[in-house]
Amino acid sequence: RHQALLPFDRADRRRWAYTAGDRTGVPLWRLSRSQTKTAFRLLAVLVAPAAFARATAIMALEDVLDQLEGGRSERRHSRDYWLVLFGLPTAEPWGLRFEGHHVSVNATVAAGELTLTPLFLGASPATVRDGDQVVLAPLQIEERLGFELVHSLSVEQRSTAVFSEQAPDDILTRNQPMLDKPLESVGVPLSVLSGGAAITAAELVRIYVDRFPDMARRPVADDLRFGWAGALEPGRGHYYRLAGPRFLVELDNTQNGANHVHTVVRDPGADFGEDLLAAHYRSQHAGSA
């Protein structure tokens, strides 16, 4: 409890990461069976069912990755995930983080609302195969729809959407605490798409928005642009993003022969509930006056 419960105003509340390593809080491997089950019940409440399934599959992949790497690292196991609470749920504001390699869920509760960004899910290997058959690929829908969208664009639209022939080696925002500066405005506006492209774009946006449960505030997916970089076929490095004033999705699959995928959903200017906290503190100040 001493490790897991920390003051809300700690600076490291916004210090999130998606690499392997020690974290603030208590690791699952130190918990009892019943405590671990409760931690997973908490995660299942924080994210929508499909996102929970993705997260638990990603965690299980750590043992697969450990075998592929020869079992050399103590960091590679499916219980090397950490839980920390900032403040107490009995008094707002409070927050929590469930995090480890390729999973980062950041919850903040303030002004009566729950926000969950940054929300990161990745996978290595991105796809596990048995011959030509896929055994496990937790983020295959996000990848498939991205390729379907870029191929459904007209020639002119694709020339606008593809902003680089070379994909970056990771998501561009990395694990920045706050997105104070927007990414370069590139790509094709979703508002100009029609027919199959518009349908695919809407489904791609929905997949990311639906990572959030109904009780949480969802990033506002308005005025979005779709930008692409890298190869137009699977198996080689590729990247895409959906970007708007209050919505940012990045997907990058370039590492390990384009079999190591990273995805993130962010709310520019409002990650970690910054706007909710501002409203909360204004309310508190007004009440004290």
Protein backbone atom coordinates (compact mmCIF):
# COMPACT_ATOMS: atom_id res chain seq x y z
CA ARG A 1 0.00 0.00 0.00
CA HIS A 2 2.89 2.36 0.74
CA GLN A 3 4.17 1.80 -2.80
CA ALA A 4 0.80 1.90 -4.54
CA LEU A 5 -0.81 4.98 -2.92
CA LEU A 6 0.89 8.29 -3.65
CA PRO A 7 -0.13 11.97 -3.46
CA PHE A 8 -2.02 13.29 -6.47
CA ASP A 9 0.27 16.28 -7.00
CA ARG A 10 3.42 14.22 -7.60
CA ALA A 11 5.30 15.33 -10.70
CA ASP A 12 5.66 11.76 -11.94
CA ARG A 13 1.89 11.37 -12.35
CA ARG A 14 2.47 12.47 -15.95
CA ARG A 15 5.65 10.43 -16.40
CA TRP A 16 4.36 7.56 -18.48
CA ALA A 17 6.25 5.05 -20.62
CA TYR A 18 5.67 2.04 -22.84
CA THR A 19 9.11 0.44 -22.58
CA ALA A 20 9.98 -2.31 -20.11
CA GLY A 21 11.39 -1.25 -16.75
CA ASP A 22 10.63 -0.48 -13.13
CA ARG A 23 7.81 1.94 -12.45
CA THR A 24 6.33 3.96 -9.65
CA GLY A 25 3.82 1.80 -7.80
CA VAL A 26 3.47 -1.90 -7.07
CA PRO A 27 4.11 -4.65 -9.68
CA LEU A 28 1.58 -7.42 -10.27
CA TRP A 29 4.20 -10.04 -9.50
CA ARG A 30 4.23 -8.84 -5.88
CA LEU A 31 0.47 -9.27 -5.46
CA SER A 32 -1.44 -12.31 -4.27
CA ARG A 33 -3.79 -14.19 -6.58
CA SER A 34 -6.84 -12.33 -5.26
CA GLN A 35 -5.09 -8.97 -5.41
CA THR A 36 -4.00 -9.62 -8.99
CA LYS A 37 -7.54 -10.57 -9.93
CA THR A 38 -8.79 -7.31 -8.44
CA ALA A 39 -6.18 -5.36 -10.42
CA PHE A 40 -7.46 -6.96 -13.63
CA ARG A 41 -11.05 -6.22 -12.65
CA LEU A 42 -10.01 -2.59 -12.26
CA LEU A 43 -8.40 -2.57 -15.72
CA ALA A 44 -11.55 -4.15 -17.17
CA VAL A 45 -13.61 -1.27 -15.77
CA LEU A 46 -11.26 1.41 -17.06
CA VAL A 47 -11.24 0.36 -20.71
CA ALA A 48 -13.89 -1.08 -23.00
CA PRO A 49 -14.12 -4.90 -23.30
CA ALA A 50 -12.33 -5.10 -26.66
CA ALA A 51 -9.51 -2.90 -25.37
CA PHE A 52 -9.26 -5.06 -22.24
CA ALA A 53 -8.92 -8.14 -24.46
CA ARG A 54 -6.19 -6.41 -26.46
CA ALA A 55 -4.34 -5.38 -23.30
CA THR A 56 -4.36 -8.83 -21.73
CA ALA A 57 -3.24 -10.42 -25.02
CA ILE A 58 -0.39 -7.89 -25.22
CA MET A 59 0.65 -8.77 -21.68
CA ALA A 60 0.66 -12.48 -22.54
CA LEU A 61 2.91 -11.72 -25.52
CA GLU A 62 5.67 -10.79 -23.06
CA ASP A 63 6.22 -14.49 -22.38
CA VAL A 64 6.30 -15.18 -26.13
CA LEU A 65 8.82 -12.38 -26.64
CA ASP A 66 10.89 -13.76 -23.77
CA GLN A 67 11.16 -17.11 -25.54
CA LEU A 68 12.04 -15.47 -28.86
CA GLU A 69 14.83 -13.57 -27.09
CA GLY A 70 16.18 -16.69 -25.40
CA GLY A 71 14.83 -15.97 -21.92
CA ARG A 72 17.67 -13.60 -21.08
CA SER A 73 15.74 -10.73 -19.55
CA GLU A 74 14.05 -10.68 -16.15
CA ARG A 75 11.83 -7.92 -17.52
CA ARG A 76 10.04 -10.19 -19.98
CA HIS A 77 7.09 -11.74 -18.22
CA SER A 78 3.36 -11.23 -18.22
CA ARG A 79 3.16 -9.95 -14.63
CA ASP A 80 5.76 -7.20 -15.01
CA TYR A 81 2.98 -4.59 -15.01
CA TRP A 82 2.55 -1.94 -12.37
CA LEU A 83 -0.35 -0.23 -10.64
CA VAL A 84 -0.23 3.11 -8.83
CA LEU A 85 -2.94 5.40 -7.43
CA PHE A 86 -2.41 9.15 -7.12
CA GLY A 87 -4.69 10.42 -4.39
CA LEU A 88 -7.69 8.47 -3.11
CA PRO A 89 -10.92 7.62 -4.96
CA THR A 90 -12.84 9.02 -1.99
CA ALA A 91 -11.84 12.59 -2.88
CA GLU A 92 -11.38 14.30 -6.25
CA PRO A 93 -9.10 14.80 -7.98
CA TRP A 94 -7.43 11.41 -8.10
CA GLY A 95 -5.83 9.24 -10.71
CA LEU A 96 -4.24 5.90 -11.41
CA ARG A 97 -1.93 4.27 -13.89
CA PHE A 98 -1.82 0.64 -15.06
CA GLU A 99 1.38 0.25 -17.02
CA GLY A 100 4.14 -1.97 -18.31
CA HIS A 101 5.73 -2.90 -21.61
CA HIS A 102 3.33 -1.91 -24.40
CA VAL A 103 0.42 -1.03 -22.11
CA SER A 104 -0.18 2.37 -20.51
CA VAL A 105 -3.60 3.34 -19.17
CA ASN A 106 -3.71 6.72 -17.43
CA ALA A 107 -6.90 7.60 -15.58
CA THR A 108 -7.75 10.97 -14.04
CA VAL A 109 -10.98 11.79 -12.21
CA ALA A 110 -11.82 15.46 -11.67
CA ALA A 111 -14.88 17.70 -11.89
CA GLY A 112 -17.03 14.57 -11.90
CA GLU A 113 -15.49 13.16 -15.10
CA LEU A 114 -13.08 10.38 -16.01
CA THR A 115 -10.42 10.82 -18.70
CA LEU A 116 -8.06 8.09 -19.91
CA THR A 117 -5.43 9.64 -22.14
CA PRO A 118 -2.68 8.97 -22.96
CA LEU A 119 -3.87 5.44 -23.80
CA PHE A 120 -1.13 3.30 -25.35
CA LEU A 121 -1.28 -0.26 -26.68
CA GLY A 122 1.55 -1.96 -28.57
CA ALA A 123 2.62 -5.49 -29.44
CA SER A 124 5.88 -7.34 -30.06
CA PRO A 125 5.69 -9.49 -32.00
CA ALA A 126 2.81 -7.72 -33.68
CA THR A 127 1.77 -10.99 -35.32
CA VAL A 128 2.49 -14.57 -34.24
CA ARG A 129 2.00 -17.07 -37.04
CA ASP A 130 1.74 -20.81 -37.47
CA GLY A 131 2.80 -21.15 -41.07
CA ASP A 132 0.46 -18.91 -43.03
CA GLN A 133 -2.11 -18.74 -40.24
CA VAL A 134 -2.30 -15.96 -37.64
CA VAL A 135 -2.19 -17.26 -34.06
CA LEU A 136 -2.25 -13.92 -32.29
CA ALA A 137 -2.26 -10.29 -33.49
CA PRO A 138 -3.85 -8.00 -30.89
CA LEU A 139 -3.73 -4.88 -33.08
CA GLN A 140 -4.41 -6.43 -36.48
CA ILE A 141 -7.71 -4.57 -36.96
CA GLU A 142 -6.00 -1.19 -36.52
CA GLU A 143 -3.35 -2.21 -39.04
CA ARG A 144 -5.76 -3.72 -41.56
CA LEU A 145 -8.10 -0.74 -41.58
CA GLY A 146 -5.16 1.63 -42.00
CA PHE A 147 -4.05 -0.20 -45.13
CA GLU A 148 -7.61 -0.44 -46.41
CA LEU A 149 -8.07 3.28 -46.00
CA VAL A 150 -4.88 4.33 -47.75
CA HIS A 151 -5.70 1.99 -50.66
CA SER A 152 -9.30 3.20 -50.90
CA LEU A 153 -8.20 6.79 -51.55
CA SER A 154 -8.18 8.28 -55.03
CA VAL A 155 -4.79 8.91 -56.61
CA GLU A 156 -5.03 12.60 -55.75
CA GLN A 157 -6.16 11.92 -52.19
CA ARG A 158 -3.36 9.42 -51.64
CA SER A 159 -0.77 11.89 -52.88
CA THR A 160 -2.05 14.25 -50.17
CA ALA A 161 -2.27 11.59 -47.47
CA VAL A 162 1.23 10.15 -47.96
CA PHE A 163 3.56 12.75 -46.51
CA SER A 164 6.76 10.65 -46.53
CA GLU A 165 8.02 7.55 -48.27
CA GLN A 166 9.99 6.70 -45.12
CA ALA A 167 8.16 5.80 -41.92
CA PRO A 168 9.51 7.16 -38.62
CA ASP A 169 11.10 4.61 -36.31
CA ASP A 170 8.40 5.12 -33.67
CA ILE A 171 5.31 7.18 -32.92
CA LEU A 172 6.38 10.79 -33.22
CA THR A 173 5.02 11.95 -29.86
CA ARG A 174 6.87 9.16 -28.01
CA ASN A 175 5.93 9.41 -24.32
CA GLN A 176 5.74 13.18 -24.05
CA PRO A 177 3.84 14.11 -20.86
CA MET A 178 1.80 16.80 -22.63
CA LEU A 179 1.34 17.68 -26.30
CA ASP A 180 1.99 21.38 -26.05
CA LYS A 181 2.79 21.72 -29.76
CA PRO A 182 0.62 20.05 -32.41
CA LEU A 183 2.21 17.78 -34.97
CA GLU A 184 2.66 19.17 -38.45
CA SER A 185 -0.69 19.35 -40.22
CA VAL A 186 -0.41 16.73 -42.95
CA GLY A 187 -2.68 14.29 -44.69
CA VAL A 188 -6.06 14.28 -46.33
CA PRO A 189 -9.12 15.65 -44.46
CA LEU A 190 -11.62 12.91 -43.67
CA SER A 191 -14.38 15.38 -44.55
CA VAL A 192 -13.52 15.16 -48.27
CA LEU A 193 -13.78 11.37 -48.42
CA SER A 194 -16.77 9.60 -49.89
CA GLY A 195 -17.98 6.09 -50.65
CA GLY A 196 -15.87 3.23 -49.38
CA ALA A 197 -13.08 5.52 -48.21
CA ALA A 198 -15.47 7.44 -45.95
CA ILE A 199 -16.89 4.21 -44.52
CA THR A 200 -13.43 2.79 -43.82
CA ALA A 201 -12.28 6.05 -42.26
CA ALA A 202 -15.28 6.11 -39.94
CA GLU A 203 -14.62 2.53 -38.89
CA LEU A 204 -10.95 3.27 -38.24
CA VAL A 205 -11.84 6.23 -36.02
CA ARG A 206 -14.45 4.13 -34.22
CA ILE A 207 -11.94 1.40 -33.39
CA TYR A 208 -9.84 3.88 -31.43
CA VAL A 209 -12.71 5.82 -29.86
CA ASP A 210 -14.25 2.56 -28.69
CA ARG A 211 -11.22 1.78 -26.57
CA PHE A 212 -12.92 4.08 -24.05
CA PRO A 213 -15.85 2.83 -21.96
CA ASP A 214 -19.15 4.70 -21.87
CA MET A 215 -18.41 6.14 -18.43
CA ALA A 216 -15.23 7.86 -19.65
CA ARG A 217 -14.95 11.04 -21.67
CA ARG A 218 -13.95 10.20 -25.22
CA PRO A 219 -11.62 12.42 -27.25
CA VAL A 220 -13.55 14.56 -29.74
CA ALA A 221 -12.84 13.11 -33.18
CA ASP A 222 -13.68 16.20 -35.27
CA ASP A 223 -11.83 17.86 -38.18
CA LEU A 224 -9.49 14.89 -38.59
CA ARG A 225 -6.77 14.39 -41.16
CA PHE A 226 -5.35 11.00 -42.19
CA GLY A 227 -1.63 10.99 -42.87
CA TRP A 228 0.56 8.08 -43.98
CA ALA A 229 4.30 7.45 -44.15
CA GLY A 230 6.30 4.47 -45.38
CA ALA A 231 5.36 1.32 -47.25
CA LEU A 232 1.87 0.82 -48.65
CA GLU A 233 1.95 -2.94 -48.07
CA PRO A 234 2.36 -5.00 -44.88
CA GLY A 235 5.78 -6.43 -44.06
CA ARG A 236 7.70 -3.17 -44.43
CA GLY A 237 7.82 -0.17 -42.15
CA HIS A 238 4.67 1.97 -42.11
CA TYR A 239 3.06 4.68 -40.02
CA TYR A 240 -0.21 6.57 -39.97
CA ARG A 241 -1.97 9.14 -37.86
CA LEU A 242 -5.41 10.59 -37.39
CA ALA A 243 -5.06 14.13 -36.13
CA GLY A 244 -7.48 16.86 -35.10
CA PRO A 245 -7.66 19.65 -32.54
CA ARG A 246 -8.75 17.32 -29.72
CA PHE A 247 -7.86 13.89 -31.09
CA LEU A 248 -4.59 12.23 -32.04
CA VAL A 249 -3.98 8.62 -33.01
CA GLU A 250 -0.60 7.31 -34.10
CA LEU A 251 0.29 3.84 -35.33
CA ASP A 252 3.84 2.85 -36.13
CA ASN A 253 5.09 -0.58 -37.22
CA THR A 254 8.71 -0.37 -38.28
CA GLN A 255 10.82 -2.23 -35.74
CA ASN A 256 11.82 -5.92 -35.87
CA GLY A 257 11.11 -6.21 -39.57
CA ALA A 258 7.80 -4.36 -39.26
CA ASN A 259 6.54 -6.87 -36.70
CA HIS A 260 6.50 -4.58 -33.66
CA VAL A 261 3.56 -2.19 -33.53
CA HIS A 262 2.84 0.85 -31.35
CA THR A 263 -0.48 2.70 -31.11
CA VAL A 264 -1.55 5.62 -28.95
CA VAL A 265 -4.68 7.74 -28.46
CA ARG A 266 -4.19 11.24 -27.06
CA ASP A 267 -6.28 14.33 -26.35
CA PRO A 268 -4.03 17.30 -27.22
CA GLY A 269 -4.09 19.89 -24.48
CA ALA A 270 -6.22 17.71 -22.20
CA ASP A 271 -4.18 14.57 -21.48
CA PHE A 272 -4.11 13.58 -17.81
CA GLY A 273 -7.36 15.53 -17.41
CA GLU A 274 -5.64 18.91 -17.56
CA ASP A 275 -8.82 20.73 -18.60
CA LEU A 276 -10.86 18.90 -15.96
CA LEU A 277 -8.33 19.83 -13.30
CA ALA A 278 -8.43 23.46 -14.36
CA ALA A 279 -12.23 23.44 -14.04
CA HIS A 280 -11.99 21.70 -10.68
CA TYR A 281 -9.53 24.21 -9.27
CA ARG A 282 -11.57 27.14 -10.59
CA SER A 283 -14.61 25.69 -8.87
CA GLN A 284 -12.73 25.20 -5.61
CA HIS A 285 -11.40 28.74 -5.75
CA ALA A 286 -14.83 30.17 -6.44
CA GLY A 287 -16.25 28.20 -3.56
CA SER A 288 -13.61 29.42 -1.13
CA ALA A 289 -14.15 33.05 -2.18
